[in-house]
Every structure is written in structure tokens, then in C-alpha cells.
N, C-alpha and C. Protein backbone atom coordinates (compact mmCIF):
# COMPACT_ATOMS: atom_id res chain seq x y z
N ASP A 1 6.37 -50.78 12.21
CA ASP A 1 6.48 -50.54 13.55
C ASP A 1 6.40 -49.12 14.03
N THR A 2 5.57 -48.92 15.14
CA THR A 2 5.68 -47.48 15.78
C THR A 2 7.09 -47.34 16.15
N PRO A 3 7.54 -45.90 15.83
CA PRO A 3 8.95 -45.41 16.47
C PRO A 3 8.94 -45.16 17.98
N PHE A 4 9.94 -45.44 18.49
CA PHE A 4 10.22 -45.18 20.06
C PHE A 4 10.68 -43.84 20.03
N HIS A 5 9.87 -42.94 20.93
CA HIS A 5 10.31 -41.62 21.07
C HIS A 5 11.00 -41.49 22.40
N ILE A 6 12.01 -41.10 22.58
CA ILE A 6 12.92 -41.15 23.62
C ILE A 6 13.58 -39.67 24.26
N ILE A 7 13.33 -39.37 25.24
CA ILE A 7 13.83 -38.15 25.83
C ILE A 7 15.00 -38.32 26.63
N LEU A 8 16.15 -37.71 26.29
CA LEU A 8 17.46 -38.03 26.78
C LEU A 8 17.67 -36.84 27.69
N ASP A 9 18.30 -37.05 28.73
CA ASP A 9 18.76 -36.39 29.86
C ASP A 9 20.12 -35.74 29.36
N GLY A 10 20.40 -34.60 29.65
CA GLY A 10 21.55 -33.78 29.42
C GLY A 10 22.85 -34.26 30.01
N THR A 11 22.62 -34.70 31.47
CA THR A 11 23.64 -35.19 31.86
C THR A 11 24.01 -36.46 31.64
N PHE A 12 22.78 -37.11 31.33
CA PHE A 12 23.28 -38.79 30.59
C PHE A 12 23.99 -38.67 29.06
N VAL A 13 23.72 -37.82 28.39
CA VAL A 13 24.14 -37.39 27.25
C VAL A 13 25.89 -37.07 27.33
N PHE A 14 26.02 -36.02 28.42
CA PHE A 14 27.34 -35.71 28.83
C PHE A 14 28.27 -36.80 29.19
N THR A 15 27.72 -37.50 30.01
CA THR A 15 28.31 -38.68 30.92
C THR A 15 28.68 -39.67 29.97
N ALA A 16 27.76 -40.25 28.98
CA ALA A 16 27.61 -41.09 28.18
C ALA A 16 29.11 -40.91 26.93
N LEU A 17 29.01 -39.63 26.56
CA LEU A 17 30.01 -39.21 25.52
C LEU A 17 31.44 -39.02 26.06
N LYS A 18 31.60 -38.59 27.59
CA LYS A 18 32.58 -38.74 28.26
C LYS A 18 33.34 -39.90 28.19
N PHE A 19 32.43 -41.12 28.34
CA PHE A 19 32.99 -42.34 28.39
C PHE A 19 33.04 -43.15 27.17
N LYS A 20 33.12 -42.46 25.96
CA LYS A 20 32.95 -42.76 24.70
C LYS A 20 32.06 -43.90 24.28
N ILE A 21 30.65 -43.63 25.15
CA ILE A 21 29.70 -44.57 24.76
C ILE A 21 28.90 -44.15 23.26
N ASP A 22 28.73 -44.83 22.36
CA ASP A 22 27.96 -44.42 21.23
C ASP A 22 26.62 -44.77 21.36
N ILE A 23 25.81 -43.70 21.64
CA ILE A 23 24.33 -43.68 22.16
C ILE A 23 23.47 -44.03 21.33
N ILE A 24 23.68 -43.70 19.87
CA ILE A 24 23.08 -44.18 18.84
C ILE A 24 23.00 -45.53 18.72
N ASP A 25 24.34 -46.18 18.68
CA ASP A 25 24.56 -47.32 18.44
C ASP A 25 24.06 -48.43 19.26
N ARG A 26 24.00 -47.98 20.57
CA ARG A 26 23.32 -48.94 21.49
C ARG A 26 21.92 -48.68 21.58
N LEU A 27 21.46 -47.85 21.33
CA LEU A 27 20.04 -47.76 21.25
C LEU A 27 19.28 -48.31 19.94
N LYS A 28 20.27 -48.29 19.01
CA LYS A 28 19.79 -49.04 17.49
C LYS A 28 19.75 -50.41 17.98
N THR A 29 21.05 -51.02 18.84
CA THR A 29 21.23 -52.40 18.77
C THR A 29 20.30 -52.75 19.49
N LEU A 30 19.82 -52.27 20.91
CA LEU A 30 18.66 -52.50 21.83
C LEU A 30 17.51 -52.65 21.33
N LEU A 31 17.17 -51.47 20.61
CA LEU A 31 15.62 -51.06 20.14
C LEU A 31 15.16 -51.54 18.68
N GLN A 32 16.09 -50.97 17.75
CA GLN A 32 15.89 -51.52 16.37
C GLN A 32 16.23 -52.99 16.05
N GLU A 33 16.88 -53.64 16.64
CA GLU A 33 17.22 -54.75 16.41
C GLU A 33 16.16 -55.82 16.88
N SER A 34 15.89 -55.30 18.11
CA SER A 34 15.08 -56.21 18.78
C SER A 34 13.49 -55.96 18.56
N TYR A 35 13.07 -54.91 18.06
CA TYR A 35 11.64 -54.42 17.93
C TYR A 35 11.54 -54.26 16.26
N ASN A 36 12.62 -53.69 15.39
CA ASN A 36 12.72 -53.36 14.36
C ASN A 36 12.03 -52.00 14.01
N ALA A 37 11.96 -51.07 15.01
CA ALA A 37 11.25 -49.91 15.13
C ALA A 37 12.29 -48.64 14.94
N GLU A 38 11.94 -47.44 14.32
CA GLU A 38 12.73 -46.19 14.48
C GLU A 38 12.99 -45.68 15.92
N VAL A 39 14.06 -44.75 15.99
CA VAL A 39 14.15 -44.59 17.32
C VAL A 39 14.17 -42.89 16.95
N ASN A 40 13.57 -42.04 17.42
CA ASN A 40 13.40 -40.77 17.57
C ASN A 40 14.03 -40.14 18.79
N LEU A 41 14.76 -39.33 19.05
CA LEU A 41 15.69 -38.69 20.24
C LEU A 41 15.10 -37.26 20.57
N TYR A 42 14.79 -36.96 21.87
CA TYR A 42 14.22 -35.60 21.98
C TYR A 42 15.24 -35.13 23.47
N ILE A 43 15.26 -33.67 23.62
CA ILE A 43 15.86 -33.15 24.50
C ILE A 43 14.88 -32.04 25.21
N MET A 44 14.85 -31.92 26.31
CA MET A 44 14.05 -30.77 26.96
C MET A 44 14.94 -29.58 26.76
N LYS A 45 14.14 -28.71 26.53
CA LYS A 45 14.99 -27.37 26.47
C LYS A 45 15.88 -26.69 27.70
N SER A 46 15.44 -26.84 28.63
CA SER A 46 16.16 -26.80 29.92
C SER A 46 17.18 -27.67 30.04
N SER A 47 17.27 -28.73 29.60
CA SER A 47 18.63 -29.79 29.63
C SER A 47 19.49 -29.08 28.59
N LEU A 48 19.16 -28.58 27.48
CA LEU A 48 19.88 -28.08 26.67
C LEU A 48 20.45 -26.68 27.14
N VAL A 49 20.04 -26.00 27.57
CA VAL A 49 20.22 -24.95 28.39
C VAL A 49 21.61 -25.17 29.37
N GLU A 50 21.26 -26.36 30.34
CA GLU A 50 22.15 -26.78 31.06
C GLU A 50 23.45 -27.27 30.59
N ILE A 51 23.40 -27.68 29.32
CA ILE A 51 24.74 -28.46 28.81
C ILE A 51 25.51 -27.01 28.29
N ARG A 52 24.71 -26.11 27.56
CA ARG A 52 25.23 -24.83 27.20
C ARG A 52 25.74 -24.28 28.27
N ASP A 53 25.24 -23.87 29.71
CA ASP A 53 26.07 -23.26 30.83
C ASP A 53 27.48 -24.15 31.20
N ILE A 54 27.35 -25.36 30.91
CA ILE A 54 28.74 -25.94 31.26
C ILE A 54 30.02 -25.31 30.85
N GLY A 55 29.66 -24.98 29.39
CA GLY A 55 30.78 -24.37 28.82
C GLY A 55 31.62 -25.10 27.64
N SER A 56 32.91 -25.21 27.56
CA SER A 56 33.64 -25.87 26.67
C SER A 56 33.52 -27.27 26.85
N LYS A 57 33.56 -27.54 28.30
CA LYS A 57 33.31 -29.05 28.65
C LYS A 57 32.19 -29.70 27.96
N GLY A 58 31.03 -29.01 27.60
CA GLY A 58 29.95 -29.48 27.36
C GLY A 58 29.64 -29.69 25.64
N SER A 59 30.69 -29.20 25.03
CA SER A 59 30.86 -28.91 23.82
C SER A 59 30.16 -30.28 22.83
N THR A 60 31.01 -31.34 23.26
CA THR A 60 30.99 -32.53 22.56
C THR A 60 29.48 -33.07 22.75
N ALA A 61 28.96 -32.85 23.98
CA ALA A 61 27.54 -33.47 24.41
C ALA A 61 26.52 -32.34 23.48
N LEU A 62 26.67 -30.81 23.63
CA LEU A 62 26.24 -29.94 22.79
C LEU A 62 25.75 -30.42 21.21
N SER A 63 26.87 -30.74 20.60
CA SER A 63 26.95 -31.25 19.20
C SER A 63 26.16 -32.25 19.05
N PHE A 64 26.49 -33.39 19.68
CA PHE A 64 25.47 -34.42 19.64
C PHE A 64 24.05 -34.01 19.80
N ILE A 65 23.78 -33.48 20.88
CA ILE A 65 22.30 -33.15 20.88
C ILE A 65 21.67 -32.36 19.63
N ARG A 66 22.52 -31.16 19.29
CA ARG A 66 22.07 -30.49 18.26
C ARG A 66 21.63 -31.50 16.83
N ASP A 67 22.74 -32.33 16.92
CA ASP A 67 22.54 -33.25 15.50
C ASP A 67 21.75 -34.35 15.69
N THR A 68 21.18 -34.69 16.60
CA THR A 68 20.27 -35.93 16.90
C THR A 68 19.34 -35.97 17.45
N CYS A 69 18.86 -34.69 18.05
CA CYS A 69 17.58 -34.75 19.10
C CYS A 69 16.69 -33.45 18.65
N LYS A 70 15.52 -33.66 18.76
CA LYS A 70 14.50 -32.65 18.78
C LYS A 70 14.37 -31.95 19.93
N GLU A 71 14.09 -30.74 19.92
CA GLU A 71 14.27 -29.70 21.09
C GLU A 71 12.73 -29.96 21.45
N ILE A 72 12.27 -30.04 22.74
CA ILE A 72 10.95 -30.02 23.36
C ILE A 72 11.00 -28.54 24.37
N ASN A 73 10.16 -27.62 23.96
CA ASN A 73 10.31 -26.33 24.48
C ASN A 73 9.35 -26.66 25.86
N ASP A 74 10.28 -26.59 27.14
CA ASP A 74 9.54 -26.88 28.42
C ASP A 74 9.40 -25.44 29.11
N ASP A 75 9.47 -24.35 28.61
CA ASP A 75 9.28 -22.90 29.08
C ASP A 75 7.85 -22.95 29.92
N ASP A 76 6.84 -23.51 29.27
CA ASP A 76 5.69 -23.13 30.22
C ASP A 76 5.35 -24.39 31.01
N ILE A 77 5.82 -25.53 31.12
CA ILE A 77 5.68 -26.50 31.89
C ILE A 77 6.03 -26.19 33.35
N GLU A 78 5.28 -26.65 34.30
CA GLU A 78 5.70 -26.38 35.81
C GLU A 78 6.74 -27.12 35.99
N GLY A 79 7.59 -27.03 37.17
CA GLY A 79 8.60 -27.71 37.82
C GLY A 79 9.91 -27.04 37.90
N THR A 80 10.28 -27.30 39.35
CA THR A 80 11.74 -26.76 39.54
C THR A 80 12.87 -27.21 38.95
N SER A 81 12.91 -28.45 38.59
CA SER A 81 14.04 -29.39 38.30
C SER A 81 13.64 -29.88 36.63
N ILE A 82 14.50 -30.35 35.72
CA ILE A 82 14.37 -30.82 34.73
C ILE A 82 13.68 -32.03 34.60
N SER A 83 14.18 -32.88 36.11
CA SER A 83 13.20 -34.03 36.12
C SER A 83 11.87 -33.88 36.21
N GLU A 84 11.28 -32.54 36.93
CA GLU A 84 9.94 -32.45 37.25
C GLU A 84 9.24 -32.00 36.13
N ARG A 85 10.05 -31.17 35.07
CA ARG A 85 9.34 -30.80 34.02
C ARG A 85 9.39 -31.69 32.93
N THR A 86 10.08 -32.92 33.04
CA THR A 86 9.91 -33.84 32.26
C THR A 86 8.86 -34.91 32.60
N VAL A 87 8.65 -35.21 34.08
CA VAL A 87 7.29 -35.93 34.39
C VAL A 87 6.16 -34.94 33.84
N ASN A 88 5.91 -33.89 34.31
CA ASN A 88 5.05 -32.82 33.98
C ASN A 88 4.65 -33.06 32.51
N PHE A 89 5.81 -32.99 31.45
CA PHE A 89 5.35 -33.02 30.37
C PHE A 89 4.86 -34.31 29.72
N LEU A 90 5.57 -35.51 30.29
CA LEU A 90 4.87 -36.58 29.99
C LEU A 90 3.39 -36.92 30.52
N SER A 91 3.05 -36.20 31.95
CA SER A 91 1.76 -36.30 32.09
C SER A 91 0.52 -35.56 31.53
N LYS A 92 0.86 -34.76 30.51
CA LYS A 92 -0.14 -33.65 29.90
C LYS A 92 -0.99 -34.97 28.93
């Protein structure tokens, strides 16, 4: 089966981990068991920078992102917000 490619938002990661939600387990339960497909996680570079800027409060989210996500360089993608950049990236 074709793998799922999922772009995570930094705020989502931060909040999920804050409430001790196991993102990987939930995604596997939802997608792998239902569709028997691999899950690949990504994060926009601007989202990663946002998490870094939070400081020590974002350290758990930053560790999770570094360990599980591939970074998408969005330096050249137009948009004034991470959401706009993500939409523009997906529209390419």
C-alpha cells in the first residue's frame, strides 16, 4: 500500500504532547490498522522555528519532531503564516 504523508503543525505537536497524547500510536491505530499503510511524518521548517522560539517549554515537542519528522524547507514558499505556506506548498 502507498504510505500516508502527513504534515504536522508545530502547535498540534506541542499541544498533543502537553496532554500526553501518543501521536505515533494514534496515527498507527487510525491509519495503519485501517489501511495497512506506512505513515511518514513531515513538518514545515517555519513550524520547527516556531517551536524552537518557544524555548524550554517546547523541548519535548522539538525532540519529538527531530526524532520522527522530516523537515520541509519552506523558505521559498510564499505566505505570511505557516498555514498559508503549507497550503501553498501543497498547491505546487
